[in-house]
Amino acid sequence: MNTTEKTAMTPEEKLAAYERMQAFVKSEYTALTEKMEKLKAEDKTKTVSYRESLGCRTYYKAVLELYEKFGL
């Protein structure tokens, strides 16, 4: 099998993959929130690190809101 081919996933595998993805998004959102709080406490809200974190956190928040919208 070449690397571009995918094998069909069972419903159980799909659910497990989804649950891993959801846990990852929640974890990243939490980690970014904590990082931003630390940077804010250090008065570093104008740094590239803070702004990049804000962008990523905004994206993850939108994903989490989609999960919520669909009751997931």
PDB file of N, CA and C in Angstrom:
ATOM      1  N   MET A   1       0.852  -1.173   0.000  1.00  0.00           N
ATOM      2  CA  MET A   1       0.000   0.000   0.000  1.00  0.00           C
ATOM      3  C   MET A   1       0.901   1.239   0.000  1.00  0.00           C
ATOM      4  N   ASN A   2       0.589   2.212  -0.846  1.00  0.00           N
ATOM      5  CA  ASN A   2       1.408   3.429  -0.812  1.00  0.00           C
ATOM      6  C   ASN A   2       0.903   4.358   0.285  1.00  0.00           C
ATOM      7  N   THR A   3       1.700   5.351   0.603  1.00  0.00           N
ATOM      8  CA  THR A   3       1.417   6.186   1.779  1.00  0.00           C
ATOM      9  C   THR A   3       0.210   7.100   1.602  1.00  0.00           C
ATOM     10  N   THR A   4      -0.269   7.291   0.373  1.00  0.00           N
ATOM     11  CA  THR A   4      -1.422   8.162   0.176  1.00  0.00           C
ATOM     12  C   THR A   4      -2.740   7.416   0.316  1.00  0.00           C
ATOM     13  N   GLU A   5      -2.689   6.088   0.339  1.00  0.00           N
ATOM     14  CA  GLU A   5      -3.907   5.300   0.496  1.00  0.00           C
ATOM     15  C   GLU A   5      -4.285   5.207   1.964  1.00  0.00           C
ATOM     16  N   LYS A   6      -5.567   5.278   2.227  1.00  0.00           N
ATOM     17  CA  LYS A   6      -6.076   5.156   3.596  1.00  0.00           C
ATOM     18  C   LYS A   6      -6.924   3.897   3.671  1.00  0.00           C
ATOM     19  N   THR A   7      -6.820   3.216   4.793  1.00  0.00           N
ATOM     20  CA  THR A   7      -7.696   2.076   5.001  1.00  0.00           C
ATOM     21  C   THR A   7      -8.982   2.580   5.635  1.00  0.00           C
ATOM     22  N   ALA A   8     -10.071   1.903   5.339  1.00  0.00           N
ATOM     23  CA  ALA A   8     -11.355   2.303   5.905  1.00  0.00           C
ATOM     24  C   ALA A   8     -11.330   2.088   7.416  1.00  0.00           C
ATOM     25  N   MET A   9     -11.862   3.053   8.132  1.00  0.00           N
ATOM     26  CA  MET A   9     -11.926   2.959   9.589  1.00  0.00           C
ATOM     27  C   MET A   9     -13.286   2.414   9.995  1.00  0.00           C
ATOM     28  N   THR A  10     -13.278   1.641  11.037  1.00  0.00           N
ATOM     29  CA  THR A  10     -14.543   1.168  11.591  1.00  0.00           C
ATOM     30  C   THR A  10     -15.202   2.327  12.333  1.00  0.00           C
ATOM     31  N   PRO A  11     -16.495   2.241  12.589  1.00  0.00           N
ATOM     32  CA  PRO A  11     -17.145   3.307  13.368  1.00  0.00           C
ATOM     33  C   PRO A  11     -16.479   3.518  14.730  1.00  0.00           C
ATOM     34  N   GLU A  12     -16.034   2.438  15.355  1.00  0.00           N
ATOM     35  CA  GLU A  12     -15.370   2.551  16.661  1.00  0.00           C
ATOM     36  C   GLU A  12     -14.046   3.297  16.541  1.00  0.00           C
ATOM     37  N   GLU A  13     -13.297   3.020  15.457  1.00  0.00           N
ATOM     38  CA  GLU A  13     -12.023   3.711  15.233  1.00  0.00           C
ATOM     39  C   GLU A  13     -12.256   5.191  14.951  1.00  0.00           C
ATOM     40  N   LYS A  14     -13.300   5.494  14.190  1.00  0.00           N
ATOM     41  CA  LYS A  14     -13.624   6.894  13.901  1.00  0.00           C
ATOM     42  C   LYS A  14     -13.984   7.643  15.178  1.00  0.00           C
ATOM     43  N   LEU A  15     -14.787   7.003  16.026  1.00  0.00           N
ATOM     44  CA  LEU A  15     -15.171   7.626  17.289  1.00  0.00           C
ATOM     45  C   LEU A  15     -13.950   7.865  18.168  1.00  0.00           C
ATOM     46  N   ALA A  16     -13.065   6.872  18.236  1.00  0.00           N
ATOM     47  CA  ALA A  16     -11.851   7.013  19.051  1.00  0.00           C
ATOM     48  C   ALA A  16     -10.971   8.137  18.509  1.00  0.00           C
ATOM     49  N   ALA A  17     -10.849   8.229  17.185  1.00  0.00           N
ATOM     50  CA  ALA A  17     -10.041   9.286  16.571  1.00  0.00           C
ATOM     51  C   ALA A  17     -10.659  10.654  16.857  1.00  0.00           C
ATOM     52  N   TYR A  18     -11.978  10.746  16.745  1.00  0.00           N
ATOM     53  CA  TYR A  18     -12.655  12.000  17.052  1.00  0.00           C
ATOM     54  C   TYR A  18     -12.425  12.403  18.506  1.00  0.00           C
ATOM     55  N   GLU A  19     -12.558  11.443  19.413  1.00  0.00           N
ATOM     56  CA  GLU A  19     -12.377  11.746  20.835  1.00  0.00           C
ATOM     57  C   GLU A  19     -10.952  12.195  21.134  1.00  0.00           C
ATOM     58  N   ARG A  20      -9.968  11.601  20.451  1.00  0.00           N
ATOM     59  CA  ARG A  20      -8.572  12.050  20.620  1.00  0.00           C
ATOM     60  C   ARG A  20      -8.410  13.476  20.106  1.00  0.00           C
ATOM     61  N   MET A  21      -9.026  13.759  18.958  1.00  0.00           N
ATOM     62  CA  MET A  21      -8.932  15.101  18.386  1.00  0.00           C
ATOM     63  C   MET A  21      -9.583  16.124  19.312  1.00  0.00           C
ATOM     64  N   GLN A  22     -10.757  15.804  19.842  1.00  0.00           N
ATOM     65  CA  GLN A  22     -11.449  16.728  20.738  1.00  0.00           C
ATOM     66  C   GLN A  22     -10.624  16.978  22.003  1.00  0.00           C
ATOM     67  N   ALA A  23     -10.035  15.931  22.552  1.00  0.00           N
ATOM     68  CA  ALA A  23      -9.194  16.085  23.745  1.00  0.00           C
ATOM     69  C   ALA A  23      -7.975  16.947  23.434  1.00  0.00           C
ATOM     70  N   PHE A  24      -7.394  16.763  22.251  1.00  0.00           N
ATOM     71  CA  PHE A  24      -6.239  17.561  21.838  1.00  0.00           C
ATOM     72  C   PHE A  24      -6.617  19.041  21.755  1.00  0.00           C
ATOM     73  N   VAL A  25      -7.738  19.341  21.116  1.00  0.00           N
ATOM     74  CA  VAL A  25      -8.170  20.735  20.961  1.00  0.00           C
ATOM     75  C   VAL A  25      -8.407  21.374  22.325  1.00  0.00           C
ATOM     76  N   LYS A  26      -9.081  20.658  23.222  1.00  0.00           N
ATOM     77  CA  LYS A  26      -9.324  21.186  24.566  1.00  0.00           C
ATOM     78  C   LYS A  26      -8.013  21.435  25.304  1.00  0.00           C
ATOM     79  N   SER A  27      -7.085  20.500  25.184  1.00  0.00           N
ATOM     80  CA  SER A  27      -5.789  20.623  25.854  1.00  0.00           C
ATOM     81  C   SER A  27      -4.999  21.816  25.323  1.00  0.00           C
ATOM     82  N   GLU A  28      -4.970  21.968  24.010  1.00  0.00           N
ATOM     83  CA  GLU A  28      -4.254  23.094  23.405  1.00  0.00           C
ATOM     84  C   GLU A  28      -4.880  24.423  23.816  1.00  0.00           C
ATOM     85  N   TYR A  29      -6.208  24.484  23.825  1.00  0.00           N
ATOM     86  CA  TYR A  29      -6.898  25.709  24.220  1.00  0.00           C
ATOM     87  C   TYR A  29      -6.534  26.086  25.655  1.00  0.00           C
ATOM     88  N   THR A  30      -6.550  25.109  26.536  1.00  0.00           N
ATOM     89  CA  THR A  30      -6.211  25.353  27.944  1.00  0.00           C
ATOM     90  C   THR A  30      -4.762  25.799  28.084  1.00  0.00           C
ATOM     91  N   ALA A  31      -3.849  25.120  27.395  1.00  0.00           N
ATOM     92  CA  ALA A  31      -2.426  25.463  27.478  1.00  0.00           C
ATOM     93  C   ALA A  31      -2.174  26.873  26.951  1.00  0.00           C
ATOM     94  N   LEU A  32      -2.816  27.220  25.855  1.00  0.00           N
ATOM     95  CA  LEU A  32      -2.637  28.564  25.297  1.00  0.00           C
ATOM     96  C   LEU A  32      -3.208  29.629  26.226  1.00  0.00           C
ATOM     97  N   THR A  33      -4.337  29.343  26.846  1.00  0.00           N
ATOM     98  CA  THR A  33      -4.929  30.288  27.798  1.00  0.00           C
ATOM     99  C   THR A  33      -3.973  30.536  28.956  1.00  0.00           C
ATOM    100  N   GLU A  34      -3.395  29.471  29.485  1.00  0.00           N
ATOM    101  CA  GLU A  34      -2.437  29.605  30.594  1.00  0.00           C
ATOM    102  C   GLU A  34      -1.194  30.381  30.158  1.00  0.00           C
ATOM    103  N   LYS A  35      -0.697  30.086  28.955  1.00  0.00           N
ATOM    104  CA  LYS A  35       0.483  30.793  28.442  1.00  0.00           C
ATOM    105  C   LYS A  35       0.186  32.286  28.295  1.00  0.00           C
ATOM    106  N   MET A  36      -0.991  32.600  27.772  1.00  0.00           N
ATOM    107  CA  MET A  36      -1.354  34.003  27.585  1.00  0.00           C
ATOM    108  C   MET A  36      -1.528  34.724  28.915  1.00  0.00           C
ATOM    109  N   GLU A  37      -2.086  34.052  29.908  1.00  0.00           N
ATOM    110  CA  GLU A  37      -2.228  34.662  31.233  1.00  0.00           C
ATOM    111  C   GLU A  37      -0.862  34.982  31.825  1.00  0.00           C
ATOM    112  N   LYS A  38       0.089  34.070  31.625  1.00  0.00           N
ATOM    113  CA  LYS A  38       1.448  34.297  32.126  1.00  0.00           C
ATOM    114  C   LYS A  38       2.088  35.491  31.415  1.00  0.00           C
ATOM    115  N   LEU A  39       1.968  35.526  30.093  1.00  0.00           N
ATOM    116  CA  LEU A  39       2.536  36.641  29.337  1.00  0.00           C
ATOM    117  C   LEU A  39       1.873  37.966  29.722  1.00  0.00           C
ATOM    118  N   LYS A  40       0.566  37.927  29.947  1.00  0.00           N
ATOM    119  CA  LYS A  40      -0.148  39.143  30.346  1.00  0.00           C
ATOM    120  C   LYS A  40       0.348  39.630  31.704  1.00  0.00           C
ATOM    121  N   ALA A  41       0.570  38.710  32.625  1.00  0.00           N
ATOM    122  CA  ALA A  41       1.075  39.074  33.956  1.00  0.00           C
ATOM    123  C   ALA A  41       2.465  39.692  33.867  1.00  0.00           C
ATOM    124  N   GLU A  42       3.223  39.294  32.842  1.00  0.00           N
ATOM    125  CA  GLU A  42       4.566  39.836  32.627  1.00  0.00           C
ATOM    126  C   GLU A  42       4.540  41.078  31.736  1.00  0.00           C
ATOM    127  N   ASP A  43       3.336  41.583  31.429  1.00  0.00           N
ATOM    128  CA  ASP A  43       3.153  42.760  30.573  1.00  0.00           C
ATOM    129  C   ASP A  43       3.780  42.555  29.194  1.00  0.00           C
ATOM    130  N   LYS A  44       3.557  41.369  28.629  1.00  0.00           N
ATOM    131  CA  LYS A  44       4.116  41.039  27.315  1.00  0.00           C
ATOM    132  C   LYS A  44       3.010  40.790  26.291  1.00  0.00           C
ATOM    133  N   THR A  45       1.959  41.602  26.355  1.00  0.00           N
ATOM    134  CA  THR A  45       0.829  41.392  25.446  1.00  0.00           C
ATOM    135  C   THR A  45       1.093  41.895  24.029  1.00  0.00           C
ATOM    136  N   LYS A  46       2.166  42.597  23.830  1.00  0.00           N
ATOM    137  CA  LYS A  46       2.480  43.096  22.493  1.00  0.00           C
ATOM    138  C   LYS A  46       3.545  42.253  21.794  1.00  0.00           C
ATOM    139  N   THR A  47       3.925  41.138  22.410  1.00  0.00           N
ATOM    140  CA  THR A  47       4.953  40.279  21.824  1.00  0.00           C
ATOM    141  C   THR A  47       4.361  39.383  20.742  1.00  0.00           C
ATOM    142  N   VAL A  48       5.238  38.909  19.870  1.00  0.00           N
ATOM    143  CA  VAL A  48       4.829  37.979  18.819  1.00  0.00           C
ATOM    144  C   VAL A  48       4.266  36.706  19.437  1.00  0.00           C
ATOM    145  N   SER A  49       4.891  36.226  20.479  1.00  0.00           N
ATOM    146  CA  SER A  49       4.434  35.002  21.142  1.00  0.00           C
ATOM    147  C   SER A  49       2.997  35.145  21.638  1.00  0.00           C
ATOM    148  N   TYR A  50       2.694  36.258  22.250  1.00  0.00           N
ATOM    149  CA  TYR A  50       1.337  36.491  22.757  1.00  0.00           C
ATOM    150  C   TYR A  50       0.343  36.549  21.598  1.00  0.00           C
ATOM    151  N   ARG A  51       0.697  37.274  20.564  1.00  0.00           N
ATOM    152  CA  ARG A  51      -0.222  37.443  19.436  1.00  0.00           C
ATOM    153  C   ARG A  51      -0.431  36.144  18.661  1.00  0.00           C
ATOM    154  N   GLU A  52       0.630  35.354  18.507  1.00  0.00           N
ATOM    155  CA  GLU A  52       0.479  34.044  17.866  1.00  0.00           C
ATOM    156  C   GLU A  52      -0.413  33.141  18.712  1.00  0.00           C
ATOM    157  N   SER A  53      -0.198  33.180  20.010  1.00  0.00           N
ATOM    158  CA  SER A  53      -1.015  32.373  20.921  1.00  0.00           C
ATOM    159  C   SER A  53      -2.477  32.796  20.848  1.00  0.00           C
ATOM    160  N   LEU A  54      -2.714  34.084  20.762  1.00  0.00           N
ATOM    161  CA  LEU A  54      -4.077  34.598  20.656  1.00  0.00           C
ATOM    162  C   LEU A  54      -4.754  34.074  19.386  1.00  0.00           C
ATOM    163  N   GLY A  55      -4.025  34.098  18.280  1.00  0.00           N
ATOM    164  CA  GLY A  55      -4.579  33.590  17.023  1.00  0.00           C
ATOM    165  C   GLY A  55      -4.928  32.114  17.105  1.00  0.00           C
ATOM    166  N   CYS A  56      -4.015  31.325  17.644  1.00  0.00           N
ATOM    167  CA  CYS A  56      -4.260  29.884  17.786  1.00  0.00           C
ATOM    168  C   CYS A  56      -5.411  29.620  18.743  1.00  0.00           C
ATOM    169  N   ARG A  57      -5.428  30.335  19.852  1.00  0.00           N
ATOM    170  CA  ARG A  57      -6.486  30.128  20.845  1.00  0.00           C
ATOM    171  C   ARG A  57      -7.847  30.489  20.255  1.00  0.00           C
ATOM    172  N   THR A  58      -7.896  31.545  19.462  1.00  0.00           N
ATOM    173  CA  THR A  58      -9.145  31.946  18.817  1.00  0.00           C
ATOM    174  C   THR A  58      -9.642  30.843  17.885  1.00  0.00           C
ATOM    175  N   TYR A  59      -8.720  30.240  17.139  1.00  0.00           N
ATOM    176  CA  TYR A  59      -9.077  29.132  16.247  1.00  0.00           C
ATOM    177  C   TYR A  59      -9.627  27.949  17.045  1.00  0.00           C
ATOM    178  N   TYR A  60      -8.910  27.551  18.099  1.00  0.00           N
ATOM    179  CA  TYR A  60      -9.357  26.413  18.903  1.00  0.00           C
ATOM    180  C   TYR A  60     -10.694  26.707  19.576  1.00  0.00           C
ATOM    181  N   LYS A  61     -10.910  27.943  19.978  1.00  0.00           N
ATOM    182  CA  LYS A  61     -12.192  28.312  20.587  1.00  0.00           C
ATOM    183  C   LYS A  61     -13.321  28.130  19.577  1.00  0.00           C
ATOM    184  N   ALA A  62     -13.079  28.521  18.334  1.00  0.00           N
ATOM    185  CA  ALA A  62     -14.100  28.356  17.296  1.00  0.00           C
ATOM    186  C   ALA A  62     -14.411  26.876  17.070  1.00  0.00           C
ATOM    187  N   VAL A  63     -13.394  26.035  17.090  1.00  0.00           N
ATOM    188  CA  VAL A  63     -13.603  24.594  16.928  1.00  0.00           C
ATOM    189  C   VAL A  63     -14.425  24.054  18.096  1.00  0.00           C
ATOM    190  N   LEU A  64     -14.071  24.458  19.317  1.00  0.00           N
ATOM    191  CA  LEU A  64     -14.825  24.010  20.492  1.00  0.00           C
ATOM    192  C   LEU A  64     -16.278  24.485  20.438  1.00  0.00           C
ATOM    193  N   GLU A  65     -16.500  25.686  19.925  1.00  0.00           N
ATOM    194  CA  GLU A  65     -17.866  26.189  19.792  1.00  0.00           C
ATOM    195  C   GLU A  65     -18.660  25.375  18.775  1.00  0.00           C
ATOM    196  N   LEU A  66     -17.992  24.914  17.720  1.00  0.00           N
ATOM    197  CA  LEU A  66     -18.666  24.037  16.758  1.00  0.00           C
ATOM    198  C   LEU A  66     -19.064  22.720  17.408  1.00  0.00           C
ATOM    199  N   TYR A  67     -18.159  22.155  18.193  1.00  0.00           N
ATOM    200  CA  TYR A  67     -18.493  20.922  18.914  1.00  0.00           C
ATOM    201  C   TYR A  67     -19.736  21.144  19.764  1.00  0.00           C
ATOM    202  N   GLU A  68     -19.756  22.260  20.476  1.00  0.00           N
ATOM    203  CA  GLU A  68     -20.879  22.567  21.361  1.00  0.00           C
ATOM    204  C   GLU A  68     -22.166  22.757  20.565  1.00  0.00           C
ATOM    205  N   LYS A  69     -22.056  23.441  19.435  1.00  0.00           N
ATOM    206  CA  LYS A  69     -23.229  23.692  18.590  1.00  0.00           C
ATOM    207  C   LYS A  69     -23.894  22.387  18.165  1.00  0.00           C
ATOM    208  N   PHE A  70     -23.079  21.372  17.925  1.00  0.00           N
ATOM    209  CA  PHE A  70     -23.601  20.085  17.482  1.00  0.00           C
ATOM    210  C   PHE A  70     -23.763  19.088  18.624  1.00  0.00           C
ATOM    211  N   GLY A  71     -23.651  19.577  19.849  1.00  0.00           N
ATOM    212  CA  GLY A  71     -23.883  18.734  21.010  1.00  0.00           C
ATOM    213  C   GLY A  71     -22.802  17.709  21.269  1.00  0.00           C
ATOM    214  N   LEU A  72     -21.593  18.023  20.861  1.00  0.00           N
ATOM    215  CA  LEU A  72     -20.490  17.065  21.036  1.00  0.00           C
ATOM    216  C   LEU A  72     -19.598  17.436  22.193  1.00  0.00           C
TER     217      LEU A  72
END
